[in-house]
Amino acid sequence: MVLTSYGQAVVKWRVDEAGHLPESLAAKAGFLLTLAVDPWVLSAALAAFIAGLAWMAALTQLELSHAYPFVSVTFILVLIMSAVFFGESITMPKVVGMGLIVGGLIVGNLR
């Protein structure tokens, strides 16, 4: 979850730094290729790969229906990181939504 959230924040940061997507197809391709080889974006891809390996390891020990809801914790981490690093607002609807996610995790994991 932390690695996935890291990747989302890094990609957002690098995309913001790169600017708007150009209009022409050739310029778009160059823009995206430049982002794809950016060392920070590559670190995000590596984080996603490592997160995938960790996920596979977790699934050797847990039922999918038990493990998968915890992926939603990423939404909470991304909300916090977006506020801290990008100055995005944390509104009441977002807080309520995050509360519902946490409540769903609790209810979904009652035994």
PDB file of N, CA and C in Angstrom:
ATOM      1  N   MET A   1       0.818  -1.184   0.000  1.00  0.00           N
ATOM      2  CA  MET A   1       0.000   0.000   0.000  1.00  0.00           C
ATOM      3  C   MET A   1       0.865   1.253   0.000  1.00  0.00           C
ATOM      4  N   VAL A   2       1.922   1.237   0.801  1.00  0.00           N
ATOM      5  CA  VAL A   2       2.815   2.391   0.854  1.00  0.00           C
ATOM      6  C   VAL A   2       3.538   2.547  -0.484  1.00  0.00           C
ATOM      7  N   LEU A   3       3.988   1.442  -1.051  1.00  0.00           N
ATOM      8  CA  LEU A   3       4.695   1.522  -2.333  1.00  0.00           C
ATOM      9  C   LEU A   3       3.772   2.010  -3.446  1.00  0.00           C
ATOM     10  N   THR A   4       2.554   1.543  -3.464  1.00  0.00           N
ATOM     11  CA  THR A   4       1.591   1.980  -4.463  1.00  0.00           C
ATOM     12  C   THR A   4       1.283   3.459  -4.297  1.00  0.00           C
ATOM     13  N   SER A   5       1.094   3.906  -3.080  1.00  0.00           N
ATOM     14  CA  SER A   5       0.826   5.319  -2.810  1.00  0.00           C
ATOM     15  C   SER A   5       2.020   6.181  -3.198  1.00  0.00           C
ATOM     16  N   TYR A   6       3.217   5.700  -2.890  1.00  0.00           N
ATOM     17  CA  TYR A   6       4.437   6.395  -3.300  1.00  0.00           C
ATOM     18  C   TYR A   6       4.442   6.591  -4.816  1.00  0.00           C
ATOM     19  N   GLY A   7       4.144   5.523  -5.536  1.00  0.00           N
ATOM     20  CA  GLY A   7       4.142   5.598  -6.996  1.00  0.00           C
ATOM     21  C   GLY A   7       3.152   6.615  -7.521  1.00  0.00           C
ATOM     22  N   GLN A   8       1.962   6.653  -6.943  1.00  0.00           N
ATOM     23  CA  GLN A   8       0.948   7.617  -7.384  1.00  0.00           C
ATOM     24  C   GLN A   8       1.420   9.052  -7.148  1.00  0.00           C
ATOM     25  N   ALA A   9       2.005   9.298  -5.984  1.00  0.00           N
ATOM     26  CA  ALA A   9       2.476  10.647  -5.660  1.00  0.00           C
ATOM     27  C   ALA A   9       3.629  11.072  -6.557  1.00  0.00           C
ATOM     28  N   VAL A  10       4.556  10.161  -6.805  1.00  0.00           N
ATOM     29  CA  VAL A  10       5.703  10.490  -7.661  1.00  0.00           C
ATOM     30  C   VAL A  10       5.251  10.776  -9.086  1.00  0.00           C
ATOM     31  N   VAL A  11       4.372   9.960  -9.623  1.00  0.00           N
ATOM     32  CA  VAL A  11       3.896  10.192 -10.987  1.00  0.00           C
ATOM     33  C   VAL A  11       3.164  11.529 -11.070  1.00  0.00           C
ATOM     34  N   LYS A  12       2.333  11.834 -10.095  1.00  0.00           N
ATOM     35  CA  LYS A  12       1.634  13.126 -10.084  1.00  0.00           C
ATOM     36  C   LYS A  12       2.630  14.277 -10.061  1.00  0.00           C
ATOM     37  N   TRP A  13       3.640  14.179  -9.217  1.00  0.00           N
ATOM     38  CA  TRP A  13       4.670  15.211  -9.102  1.00  0.00           C
ATOM     39  C   TRP A  13       5.383  15.421 -10.433  1.00  0.00           C
ATOM     40  N   ARG A  14       5.803  14.335 -11.064  1.00  0.00           N
ATOM     41  CA  ARG A  14       6.562  14.452 -12.310  1.00  0.00           C
ATOM     42  C   ARG A  14       5.671  14.941 -13.456  1.00  0.00           C
ATOM     43  N   VAL A  15       4.423  14.517 -13.486  1.00  0.00           N
ATOM     44  CA  VAL A  15       3.485  14.996 -14.507  1.00  0.00           C
ATOM     45  C   VAL A  15       3.236  16.490 -14.315  1.00  0.00           C
ATOM     46  N   ASP A  16       3.055  16.921 -13.079  1.00  0.00           N
ATOM     47  CA  ASP A  16       2.874  18.349 -12.810  1.00  0.00           C
ATOM     48  C   ASP A  16       4.087  19.156 -13.264  1.00  0.00           C
ATOM     49  N   GLU A  17       5.279  18.625 -13.011  1.00  0.00           N
ATOM     50  CA  GLU A  17       6.509  19.299 -13.425  1.00  0.00           C
ATOM     51  C   GLU A  17       6.637  19.357 -14.945  1.00  0.00           C
ATOM     52  N   ALA A  18       6.167  18.334 -15.624  1.00  0.00           N
ATOM     53  CA  ALA A  18       6.300  18.256 -17.083  1.00  0.00           C
ATOM     54  C   ALA A  18       5.348  19.213 -17.800  1.00  0.00           C
ATOM     55  N   GLY A  19       4.229  19.527 -17.191  1.00  0.00           N
ATOM     56  CA  GLY A  19       3.284  20.449 -17.817  1.00  0.00           C
ATOM     57  C   GLY A  19       2.149  19.721 -18.509  1.00  0.00           C
ATOM     58  N   HIS A  20       1.459  20.476 -19.353  1.00  0.00           N
ATOM     59  CA  HIS A  20       0.278  19.943 -20.029  1.00  0.00           C
ATOM     60  C   HIS A  20       0.647  19.027 -21.194  1.00  0.00           C
ATOM     61  N   LEU A  21      -0.223  18.087 -21.457  1.00  0.00           N
ATOM     62  CA  LEU A  21      -0.057  17.182 -22.590  1.00  0.00           C
ATOM     63  C   LEU A  21      -0.164  17.983 -23.884  1.00  0.00           C
ATOM     64  N   PRO A  22       0.822  17.869 -24.774  1.00  0.00           N
ATOM     65  CA  PRO A  22       0.772  18.627 -26.036  1.00  0.00           C
ATOM     66  C   PRO A  22      -0.391  18.199 -26.927  1.00  0.00           C
ATOM     67  N   GLU A  23      -0.647  18.992 -27.938  1.00  0.00           N
ATOM     68  CA  GLU A  23      -1.770  18.735 -28.840  1.00  0.00           C
ATOM     69  C   GLU A  23      -1.454  17.689 -29.905  1.00  0.00           C
ATOM     70  N   SER A  24      -0.317  17.806 -30.550  1.00  0.00           N
ATOM     71  CA  SER A  24      -0.032  16.906 -31.680  1.00  0.00           C
ATOM     72  C   SER A  24       0.341  15.511 -31.190  1.00  0.00           C
ATOM     73  N   LEU A  25       0.080  14.539 -32.029  1.00  0.00           N
ATOM     74  CA  LEU A  25       0.359  13.149 -31.675  1.00  0.00           C
ATOM     75  C   LEU A  25       1.854  12.929 -31.449  1.00  0.00           C
ATOM     76  N   ALA A  26       2.684  13.484 -32.305  1.00  0.00           N
ATOM     77  CA  ALA A  26       4.134  13.317 -32.164  1.00  0.00           C
ATOM     78  C   ALA A  26       4.624  13.955 -30.869  1.00  0.00           C
ATOM     79  N   ALA A  27       4.119  15.132 -30.557  1.00  0.00           N
ATOM     80  CA  ALA A  27       4.518  15.809 -29.323  1.00  0.00           C
ATOM     81  C   ALA A  27       4.030  15.040 -28.099  1.00  0.00           C
ATOM     82  N   LYS A  28       2.838  14.458 -28.189  1.00  0.00           N
ATOM     83  CA  LYS A  28       2.325  13.638 -27.086  1.00  0.00           C
ATOM     84  C   LYS A  28       3.225  12.440 -26.848  1.00  0.00           C
ATOM     85  N   ALA A  29       3.620  11.783 -27.931  1.00  0.00           N
ATOM     86  CA  ALA A  29       4.479  10.607 -27.816  1.00  0.00           C
ATOM     87  C   ALA A  29       5.804  10.978 -27.164  1.00  0.00           C
ATOM     88  N   GLY A  30       6.402  12.085 -27.596  1.00  0.00           N
ATOM     89  CA  GLY A  30       7.662  12.538 -27.012  1.00  0.00           C
ATOM     90  C   GLY A  30       7.521  12.909 -25.550  1.00  0.00           C
ATOM     91  N   PHE A  31       6.422  13.576 -25.231  1.00  0.00           N
ATOM     92  CA  PHE A  31       6.133  13.980 -23.861  1.00  0.00           C
ATOM     93  C   PHE A  31       6.031  12.759 -22.953  1.00  0.00           C
ATOM     94  N   LEU A  32       5.254  11.772 -23.392  1.00  0.00           N
ATOM     95  CA  LEU A  32       5.058  10.568 -22.581  1.00  0.00           C
ATOM     96  C   LEU A  32       6.322   9.725 -22.495  1.00  0.00           C
ATOM     97  N   LEU A  33       7.090   9.677 -23.577  1.00  0.00           N
ATOM     98  CA  LEU A  33       8.349   8.933 -23.550  1.00  0.00           C
ATOM     99  C   LEU A  33       9.330   9.578 -22.572  1.00  0.00           C
ATOM    100  N   THR A  34       9.379  10.906 -22.579  1.00  0.00           N
ATOM    101  CA  THR A  34      10.240  11.617 -21.639  1.00  0.00           C
ATOM    102  C   THR A  34       9.842  11.289 -20.203  1.00  0.00           C
ATOM    103  N   LEU A  35       8.540  11.280 -19.940  1.00  0.00           N
ATOM    104  CA  LEU A  35       8.075  10.906 -18.598  1.00  0.00           C
ATOM    105  C   LEU A  35       8.420   9.455 -18.273  1.00  0.00           C
ATOM    106  N   ALA A  36       8.268   8.578 -19.243  1.00  0.00           N
ATOM    107  CA  ALA A  36       8.486   7.147 -19.002  1.00  0.00           C
ATOM    108  C   ALA A  36       9.928   6.832 -18.618  1.00  0.00           C
ATOM    109  N   VAL A  37      10.884   7.640 -19.077  1.00  0.00           N
ATOM    110  CA  VAL A  37      12.294   7.376 -18.753  1.00  0.00           C
ATOM    111  C   VAL A  37      12.810   8.286 -17.642  1.00  0.00           C
ATOM    112  N   ASP A  38      11.939   9.103 -17.077  1.00  0.00           N
ATOM    113  CA  ASP A  38      12.315   9.946 -15.953  1.00  0.00           C
ATOM    114  C   ASP A  38      12.706   9.033 -14.787  1.00  0.00           C
ATOM    115  N   PRO A  39      13.848   9.261 -14.149  1.00  0.00           N
ATOM    116  CA  PRO A  39      14.279   8.375 -13.055  1.00  0.00           C
ATOM    117  C   PRO A  39      13.262   8.255 -11.927  1.00  0.00           C
ATOM    118  N   TRP A  40      12.577   9.329 -11.610  1.00  0.00           N
ATOM    119  CA  TRP A  40      11.570   9.261 -10.556  1.00  0.00           C
ATOM    120  C   TRP A  40      10.380   8.411 -10.979  1.00  0.00           C
ATOM    121  N   VAL A  41       9.957   8.548 -12.233  1.00  0.00           N
ATOM    122  CA  VAL A  41       8.849   7.721 -12.729  1.00  0.00           C
ATOM    123  C   VAL A  41       9.279   6.262 -12.770  1.00  0.00           C
ATOM    124  N   LEU A  42      10.521   6.017 -13.149  1.00  0.00           N
ATOM    125  CA  LEU A  42      11.031   4.646 -13.128  1.00  0.00           C
ATOM    126  C   LEU A  42      11.045   4.094 -11.701  1.00  0.00           C
ATOM    127  N   SER A  43      11.350   4.951 -10.715  1.00  0.00           N
ATOM    128  CA  SER A  43      11.310   4.484  -9.327  1.00  0.00           C
ATOM    129  C   SER A  43       9.884   4.122  -8.923  1.00  0.00           C
ATOM    130  N   ALA A  44       8.907   4.855  -9.457  1.00  0.00           N
ATOM    131  CA  ALA A  44       7.496   4.540  -9.186  1.00  0.00           C
ATOM    132  C   ALA A  44       7.123   3.198  -9.807  1.00  0.00           C
ATOM    133  N   ALA A  45       7.635   2.942 -11.011  1.00  0.00           N
ATOM    134  CA  ALA A  45       7.376   1.653 -11.670  1.00  0.00           C
ATOM    135  C   ALA A  45       8.022   0.516 -10.879  1.00  0.00           C
ATOM    136  N   LEU A  46       9.220   0.747 -10.384  1.00  0.00           N
ATOM    137  CA  LEU A  46       9.889  -0.262  -9.559  1.00  0.00           C
ATOM    138  C   LEU A  46       9.103  -0.508  -8.276  1.00  0.00           C
ATOM    139  N   ALA A  47       8.608   0.556  -7.673  1.00  0.00           N
ATOM    140  CA  ALA A  47       7.794   0.414  -6.460  1.00  0.00           C
ATOM    141  C   ALA A  47       6.547  -0.415  -6.746  1.00  0.00           C
ATOM    142  N   ALA A  48       5.923  -0.173  -7.913  1.00  0.00           N
ATOM    143  CA  ALA A  48       4.737  -0.947  -8.284  1.00  0.00           C
ATOM    144  C   ALA A  48       5.089  -2.424  -8.469  1.00  0.00           C
ATOM    145  N   PHE A  49       6.245  -2.683  -9.064  1.00  0.00           N
ATOM    146  CA  PHE A  49       6.683  -4.062  -9.254  1.00  0.00           C
ATOM    147  C   PHE A  49       6.914  -4.755  -7.910  1.00  0.00           C
ATOM    148  N   ILE A  50       7.607  -4.069  -7.014  1.00  0.00           N
ATOM    149  CA  ILE A  50       7.860  -4.639  -5.686  1.00  0.00           C
ATOM    150  C   ILE A  50       6.547  -4.840  -4.933  1.00  0.00           C
ATOM    151  N   ALA A  51       5.633  -3.881  -5.070  1.00  0.00           N
ATOM    152  CA  ALA A  51       4.317  -4.028  -4.437  1.00  0.00           C
ATOM    153  C   ALA A  51       3.597  -5.257  -4.984  1.00  0.00           C
ATOM    154  N   GLY A  52       3.732  -5.497  -6.273  1.00  0.00           N
ATOM    155  CA  GLY A  52       3.122  -6.688  -6.870  1.00  0.00           C
ATOM    156  C   GLY A  52       3.700  -7.972  -6.309  1.00  0.00           C
ATOM    157  N   LEU A  53       5.011  -7.997  -6.114  1.00  0.00           N
ATOM    158  CA  LEU A  53       5.641  -9.171  -5.506  1.00  0.00           C
ATOM    159  C   LEU A  53       5.154  -9.371  -4.071  1.00  0.00           C
ATOM    160  N   ALA A  54       5.062  -8.268  -3.335  1.00  0.00           N
ATOM    161  CA  ALA A  54       4.572  -8.359  -1.951  1.00  0.00           C
ATOM    162  C   ALA A  54       3.127  -8.850  -1.924  1.00  0.00           C
ATOM    163  N   TRP A  55       2.338  -8.396  -2.893  1.00  0.00           N
ATOM    164  CA  TRP A  55       0.939  -8.826  -2.980  1.00  0.00           C
ATOM    165  C   TRP A  55       0.857 -10.335  -3.224  1.00  0.00           C
ATOM    166  N   MET A  56       1.682 -10.822  -4.142  1.00  0.00           N
ATOM    167  CA  MET A  56       1.688 -12.266  -4.404  1.00  0.00           C
ATOM    168  C   MET A  56       2.084 -13.044  -3.151  1.00  0.00           C
ATOM    169  N   ALA A  57       3.068 -12.547  -2.415  1.00  0.00           N
ATOM    170  CA  ALA A  57       3.484 -13.208  -1.176  1.00  0.00           C
ATOM    171  C   ALA A  57       2.348 -13.196  -0.155  1.00  0.00           C
ATOM    172  N   ALA A  58       1.652 -12.063  -0.055  1.00  0.00           N
ATOM    173  CA  ALA A  58       0.537 -11.968   0.900  1.00  0.00           C
ATOM    174  C   ALA A  58      -0.565 -12.961   0.547  1.00  0.00           C
ATOM    175  N   LEU A  59      -0.812 -13.135  -0.744  1.00  0.00           N
ATOM    176  CA  LEU A  59      -1.889 -14.040  -1.159  1.00  0.00           C
ATOM    177  C   LEU A  59      -1.563 -15.506  -0.913  1.00  0.00           C
ATOM    178  N   THR A  60      -0.290 -15.808  -0.640  1.00  0.00           N
ATOM    179  CA  THR A  60       0.029 -17.194  -0.268  1.00  0.00           C
ATOM    180  C   THR A  60      -0.446 -17.499   1.147  1.00  0.00           C
ATOM    181  N   GLN A  61      -0.702 -16.440   1.931  1.00  0.00           N
ATOM    182  CA  GLN A  61      -1.093 -16.610   3.328  1.00  0.00           C
ATOM    183  C   GLN A  61      -2.548 -16.242   3.615  1.00  0.00           C
ATOM    184  N   LEU A  62      -3.165 -15.473   2.722  1.00  0.00           N
ATOM    185  CA  LEU A  62      -4.501 -14.933   2.980  1.00  0.00           C
ATOM    186  C   LEU A  62      -5.476 -15.290   1.860  1.00  0.00           C
ATOM    187  N   GLU A  63      -6.740 -15.352   2.203  1.00  0.00           N
ATOM    188  CA  GLU A  63      -7.773 -15.487   1.186  1.00  0.00           C
ATOM    189  C   GLU A  63      -7.888 -14.150   0.451  1.00  0.00           C
ATOM    190  N   LEU A  64      -8.152 -14.199  -0.848  1.00  0.00           N
ATOM    191  CA  LEU A  64      -8.292 -12.988  -1.638  1.00  0.00           C
ATOM    192  C   LEU A  64      -9.397 -12.095  -1.098  1.00  0.00           C
ATOM    193  N   SER A  65     -10.513 -12.701  -0.722  1.00  0.00           N
ATOM    194  CA  SER A  65     -11.646 -11.918  -0.215  1.00  0.00           C
ATOM    195  C   SER A  65     -11.331 -11.227   1.116  1.00  0.00           C
ATOM    196  N   HIS A  66     -10.337 -11.717   1.821  1.00  0.00           N
ATOM    197  CA  HIS A  66      -9.907 -11.075   3.061  1.00  0.00           C
ATOM    198  C   HIS A  66      -8.841 -10.004   2.769  1.00  0.00           C
ATOM    199  N   ALA A  67      -7.920 -10.292   1.876  1.00  0.00           N
ATOM    200  CA  ALA A  67      -6.798  -9.385   1.609  1.00  0.00           C
ATOM    201  C   ALA A  67      -7.191  -8.191   0.746  1.00  0.00           C
ATOM    202  N   TYR A  68      -8.007  -8.409  -0.260  1.00  0.00           N
ATOM    203  CA  TYR A  68      -8.257  -7.360  -1.249  1.00  0.00           C
ATOM    204  C   TYR A  68      -8.859  -6.082  -0.686  1.00  0.00           C
ATOM    205  N   PRO A  69      -9.776  -6.129   0.253  1.00  0.00           N
ATOM    206  CA  PRO A  69     -10.308  -4.870   0.788  1.00  0.00           C
ATOM    207  C   PRO A  69      -9.234  -3.938   1.356  1.00  0.00           C
ATOM    208  N   PHE A  70      -8.122  -4.494   1.803  1.00  0.00           N
ATOM    209  CA  PHE A  70      -7.066  -3.655   2.354  1.00  0.00           C
ATOM    210  C   PHE A  70      -6.377  -2.808   1.290  1.00  0.00           C
ATOM    211  N   VAL A  71      -6.583  -3.126   0.033  1.00  0.00           N
ATOM    212  CA  VAL A  71      -6.077  -2.286  -1.051  1.00  0.00           C
ATOM    213  C   VAL A  71      -6.674  -0.882  -0.936  1.00  0.00           C
ATOM    214  N   SER A  72      -7.882  -0.784  -0.395  1.00  0.00           N
ATOM    215  CA  SER A  72      -8.539   0.517  -0.270  1.00  0.00           C
ATOM    216  C   SER A  72      -7.823   1.456   0.694  1.00  0.00           C
ATOM    217  N   VAL A  73      -6.937   0.938   1.521  1.00  0.00           N
ATOM    218  CA  VAL A  73      -6.143   1.798   2.397  1.00  0.00           C
ATOM    219  C   VAL A  73      -5.289   2.742   1.551  1.00  0.00           C
ATOM    220  N   THR A  74      -4.963   2.311   0.347  1.00  0.00           N
ATOM    221  CA  THR A  74      -4.214   3.166  -0.578  1.00  0.00           C
ATOM    222  C   THR A  74      -4.960   4.473  -0.831  1.00  0.00           C
ATOM    223  N   PHE A  75      -6.288   4.424  -0.922  1.00  0.00           N
ATOM    224  CA  PHE A  75      -7.065   5.650  -1.140  1.00  0.00           C
ATOM    225  C   PHE A  75      -6.822   6.654  -0.019  1.00  0.00           C
ATOM    226  N   ILE A  76      -6.748   6.158   1.197  1.00  0.00           N
ATOM    227  CA  ILE A  76      -6.541   7.023   2.352  1.00  0.00           C
ATOM    228  C   ILE A  76      -5.136   7.626   2.315  1.00  0.00           C
ATOM    229  N   LEU A  77      -4.145   6.792   2.033  1.00  0.00           N
ATOM    230  CA  LEU A  77      -2.771   7.287   1.960  1.00  0.00           C
ATOM    231  C   LEU A  77      -2.614   8.323   0.853  1.00  0.00           C
ATOM    232  N   VAL A  78      -3.219   8.066  -0.303  1.00  0.00           N
ATOM    233  CA  VAL A  78      -3.124   9.011  -1.420  1.00  0.00           C
ATOM    234  C   VAL A  78      -3.827  10.320  -1.069  1.00  0.00           C
ATOM    235  N   LEU A  79      -4.957  10.260  -0.387  1.00  0.00           N
ATOM    236  CA  LEU A  79      -5.651  11.484   0.029  1.00  0.00           C
ATOM    237  C   LEU A  79      -4.743  12.323   0.930  1.00  0.00           C
ATOM    238  N   ILE A  80      -4.108  11.685   1.895  1.00  0.00           N
ATOM    239  CA  ILE A  80      -3.224  12.404   2.807  1.00  0.00           C
ATOM    240  C   ILE A  80      -2.009  12.961   2.056  1.00  0.00           C
ATOM    241  N   MET A  81      -1.399  12.141   1.217  1.00  0.00           N
ATOM    242  CA  MET A  81      -0.224  12.595   0.466  1.00  0.00           C
ATOM    243  C   MET A  81      -0.569  13.725  -0.502  1.00  0.00           C
ATOM    244  N   SER A  82      -1.749  13.668  -1.112  1.00  0.00           N
ATOM    245  CA  SER A  82      -2.129  14.721  -2.050  1.00  0.00           C
ATOM    246  C   SER A  82      -2.316  16.052  -1.335  1.00  0.00           C
ATOM    247  N   ALA A  83      -2.781  16.009  -0.107  1.00  0.00           N
ATOM    248  CA  ALA A  83      -2.932  17.238   0.677  1.00  0.00           C
ATOM    249  C   ALA A  83      -1.566  17.770   1.114  1.00  0.00           C
ATOM    250  N   VAL A  84      -0.712  16.881   1.606  1.00  0.00           N
ATOM    251  CA  VAL A  84       0.590  17.295   2.127  1.00  0.00           C
ATOM    252  C   VAL A  84       1.513  17.779   1.013  1.00  0.00           C
ATOM    253  N   PHE A  85       1.599  17.034  -0.076  1.00  0.00           N
ATOM    254  CA  PHE A  85       2.595  17.337  -1.104  1.00  0.00           C
ATOM    255  C   PHE A  85       2.080  18.226  -2.239  1.00  0.00           C
ATOM    256  N   PHE A  86       0.777  18.222  -2.479  1.00  0.00           N
ATOM    257  CA  PHE A  86       0.249  18.969  -3.618  1.00  0.00           C
ATOM    258  C   PHE A  86      -0.756  20.042  -3.230  1.00  0.00           C
ATOM    259  N   GLY A  87      -0.995  20.193  -1.936  1.00  0.00           N
ATOM    260  CA  GLY A  87      -1.904  21.221  -1.471  1.00  0.00           C
ATOM    261  C   GLY A  87      -3.356  20.992  -1.852  1.00  0.00           C
ATOM    262  N   GLU A  88      -3.694  19.742  -2.179  1.00  0.00           N
ATOM    263  CA  GLU A  88      -5.081  19.434  -2.528  1.00  0.00           C
ATOM    264  C   GLU A  88      -5.934  19.479  -1.258  1.00  0.00           C
ATOM    265  N   SER A  89      -7.171  19.858  -1.440  1.00  0.00           N
ATOM    266  CA  SER A  89      -8.039  20.014  -0.276  1.00  0.00           C
ATOM    267  C   SER A  89      -8.576  18.676   0.223  1.00  0.00           C
ATOM    268  N   ILE A  90      -8.723  18.607   1.533  1.00  0.00           N
ATOM    269  CA  ILE A  90      -9.413  17.469   2.157  1.00  0.00           C
ATOM    270  C   ILE A  90     -10.777  18.008   2.575  1.00  0.00           C
ATOM    271  N   THR A  91     -11.772  17.661   1.808  1.00  0.00           N
ATOM    272  CA  THR A  91     -13.127  18.165   2.039  1.00  0.00           C
ATOM    273  C   THR A  91     -13.912  17.186   2.909  1.00  0.00           C
ATOM    274  N   MET A  92     -15.016  17.672   3.427  1.00  0.00           N
ATOM    275  CA  MET A  92     -15.866  16.810   4.250  1.00  0.00           C
ATOM    276  C   MET A  92     -16.342  15.578   3.468  1.00  0.00           C
ATOM    277  N   PRO A  93     -16.773  15.710   2.199  1.00  0.00           N
ATOM    278  CA  PRO A  93     -17.158  14.499   1.473  1.00  0.00           C
ATOM    279  C   PRO A  93     -16.016  13.485   1.353  1.00  0.00           C
ATOM    280  N   LYS A  94     -14.786  13.970   1.191  1.00  0.00           N
ATOM    281  CA  LYS A  94     -13.647  13.049   1.133  1.00  0.00           C
ATOM    282  C   LYS A  94     -13.431  12.362   2.480  1.00  0.00           C
ATOM    283  N   VAL A  95     -13.557  13.116   3.558  1.00  0.00           N
ATOM    284  CA  VAL A  95     -13.398  12.546   4.894  1.00  0.00           C
ATOM    285  C   VAL A  95     -14.479  11.502   5.159  1.00  0.00           C
ATOM    286  N   VAL A  96     -15.702  11.823   4.793  1.00  0.00           N
ATOM    287  CA  VAL A  96     -16.805  10.862   4.972  1.00  0.00           C
ATOM    288  C   VAL A  96     -16.532   9.612   4.134  1.00  0.00           C
ATOM    289  N   GLY A  97     -16.087   9.805   2.896  1.00  0.00           N
ATOM    290  CA  GLY A  97     -15.764   8.659   2.040  1.00  0.00           C
ATOM    291  C   GLY A  97     -14.680   7.784   2.638  1.00  0.00           C
ATOM    292  N   MET A  98     -13.652   8.410   3.188  1.00  0.00           N
ATOM    293  CA  MET A  98     -12.582   7.641   3.819  1.00  0.00           C
ATOM    294  C   MET A  98     -13.101   6.913   5.061  1.00  0.00           C
ATOM    295  N   GLY A  99     -14.001   7.577   5.799  1.00  0.00           N
ATOM    296  CA  GLY A  99     -14.616   6.914   6.956  1.00  0.00           C
ATOM    297  C   GLY A  99     -15.412   5.693   6.543  1.00  0.00           C
ATOM    298  N   LEU A 100     -16.128   5.807   5.428  1.00  0.00           N
ATOM    299  CA  LEU A 100     -16.886   4.655   4.918  1.00  0.00           C
ATOM    300  C   LEU A 100     -15.953   3.520   4.519  1.00  0.00           C
ATOM    301  N   ILE A 101     -14.810   3.873   3.938  1.00  0.00           N
ATOM    302  CA  ILE A 101     -13.829   2.841   3.562  1.00  0.00           C
ATOM    303  C   ILE A 101     -13.325   2.121   4.813  1.00  0.00           C
ATOM    304  N   VAL A 102     -12.949   2.887   5.819  1.00  0.00           N
ATOM    305  CA  VAL A 102     -12.462   2.284   7.066  1.00  0.00           C
ATOM    306  C   VAL A 102     -13.562   1.436   7.699  1.00  0.00           C
ATOM    307  N   GLY A 103     -14.789   1.971   7.718  1.00  0.00           N
ATOM    308  CA  GLY A 103     -15.911   1.195   8.260  1.00  0.00           C
ATOM    309  C   GLY A 103     -16.124  -0.092   7.483  1.00  0.00           C
ATOM    310  N   GLY A 104     -16.003  -0.013   6.174  1.00  0.00           N
ATOM    311  CA  GLY A 104     -16.142  -1.209   5.340  1.00  0.00           C
ATOM    312  C   GLY A 104     -15.059  -2.234   5.633  1.00  0.00           C
ATOM    313  N   LEU A 105     -13.845  -1.773   5.875  1.00  0.00           N
ATOM    314  CA  LEU A 105     -12.762  -2.694   6.243  1.00  0.00           C
ATOM    315  C   LEU A 105     -13.084  -3.402   7.556  1.00  0.00           C
ATOM    316  N   ILE A 106     -13.589  -2.642   8.496  1.00  0.00           N
ATOM    317  CA  ILE A 106     -13.909  -3.237   9.804  1.00  0.00           C
ATOM    318  C   ILE A 106     -15.047  -4.251   9.659  1.00  0.00           C
ATOM    319  N   VAL A 107     -16.127  -3.844   9.013  1.00  0.00           N
ATOM    320  CA  VAL A 107     -17.273  -4.744   8.860  1.00  0.00           C
ATOM    321  C   VAL A 107     -16.891  -5.959   8.012  1.00  0.00           C
ATOM    322  N   GLY A 108     -16.157  -5.721   6.943  1.00  0.00           N
ATOM    323  CA  GLY A 108     -15.787  -6.817   6.047  1.00  0.00           C
ATOM    324  C   GLY A 108     -14.856  -7.842   6.655  1.00  0.00           C
ATOM    325  N   ASN A 109     -14.198  -7.469   7.723  1.00  0.00           N
ATOM    326  CA  ASN A 109     -13.242  -8.390   8.346  1.00  0.00           C
ATOM    327  C   ASN A 109     -13.711  -8.927   9.681  1.00  0.00           C
ATOM    328  N   LEU A 110     -14.978  -8.702  10.021  1.00  0.00           N
ATOM    329  CA  LEU A 110     -15.534  -9.327  11.223  1.00  0.00           C
ATOM    330  C   LEU A 110     -15.620 -10.826  10.980  1.00  0.00           C
ATOM    331  N   ARG A 111     -15.337 -11.576  11.965  1.00  0.00           N
ATOM    332  CA  ARG A 111     -15.367 -13.035  11.784  1.00  0.00           C
ATOM    333  C   ARG A 111     -16.490 -13.640  12.578  1.00  0.00           C
TER     334      ARG A 111
END
